[in-house]
Amino acid sequence: MRKIIQTISSIFFVRYFVKLILNIKSFFDRIWSNLKFKSLVRNSGDSTCHYSTEIKYGENIKIGNNSRIGPNCTLGAKGSIVIGDNVVVSKYVSIETAGLDYKKGPPYSSHKSSQIIIENGVWIGSNVIVLGGVTIGENSIIGAGCVISKDVSPFSLIVGSPTRKLK
């Protein structure tokens, strides 16, 4: 059986046909991803977003031009999220404006939210968590795995856990 499959897959036309089908699927996945993103986030310029990104309260999100949001990200915009131009958000990034309002006591069911601003030219590495009330200054780099809970000044390089500024 294995030899039969190897023989069939070595035929040029079969290989060409399989590649063609995969390319067509990829093309339609990209179209679907773009349609989903544009319908959920109306103020998104010419930016792109991977189809696996979870978008909550898309009407509160504004994204500039030429920004990219990678796979498996979460954009939770109970408060507003403003993302500037030329921003790269890598995979598995969580940008959440809402947090638990623990001051009201049990049961902890209410949330409070604060705006998040990500200025132009920012690069956010994979598995970063950006919490509400934060402004990330322009042309900053946030290294993988950081939790951003305080403002980041422009042209900064932030790494580690706990985070520290290198530049």
Foldseek 3Di string as FASTA:
>chain_A
DVVVVVVVCVDPVNVVVVVVVVVVVVVVQQVVQAVVLCVLAVQAAQEGEHNQEAEANNPQEHHEEPEYAEHPEYEAPPPHEYHEYQEYHYHAEYEHFKDFPCVVPPPGDDIDGAYEYEYAQEYEEHCEYEYHPEYEAHNEYEYPNEYHDYYHHHPWYWDDVPIDTDD
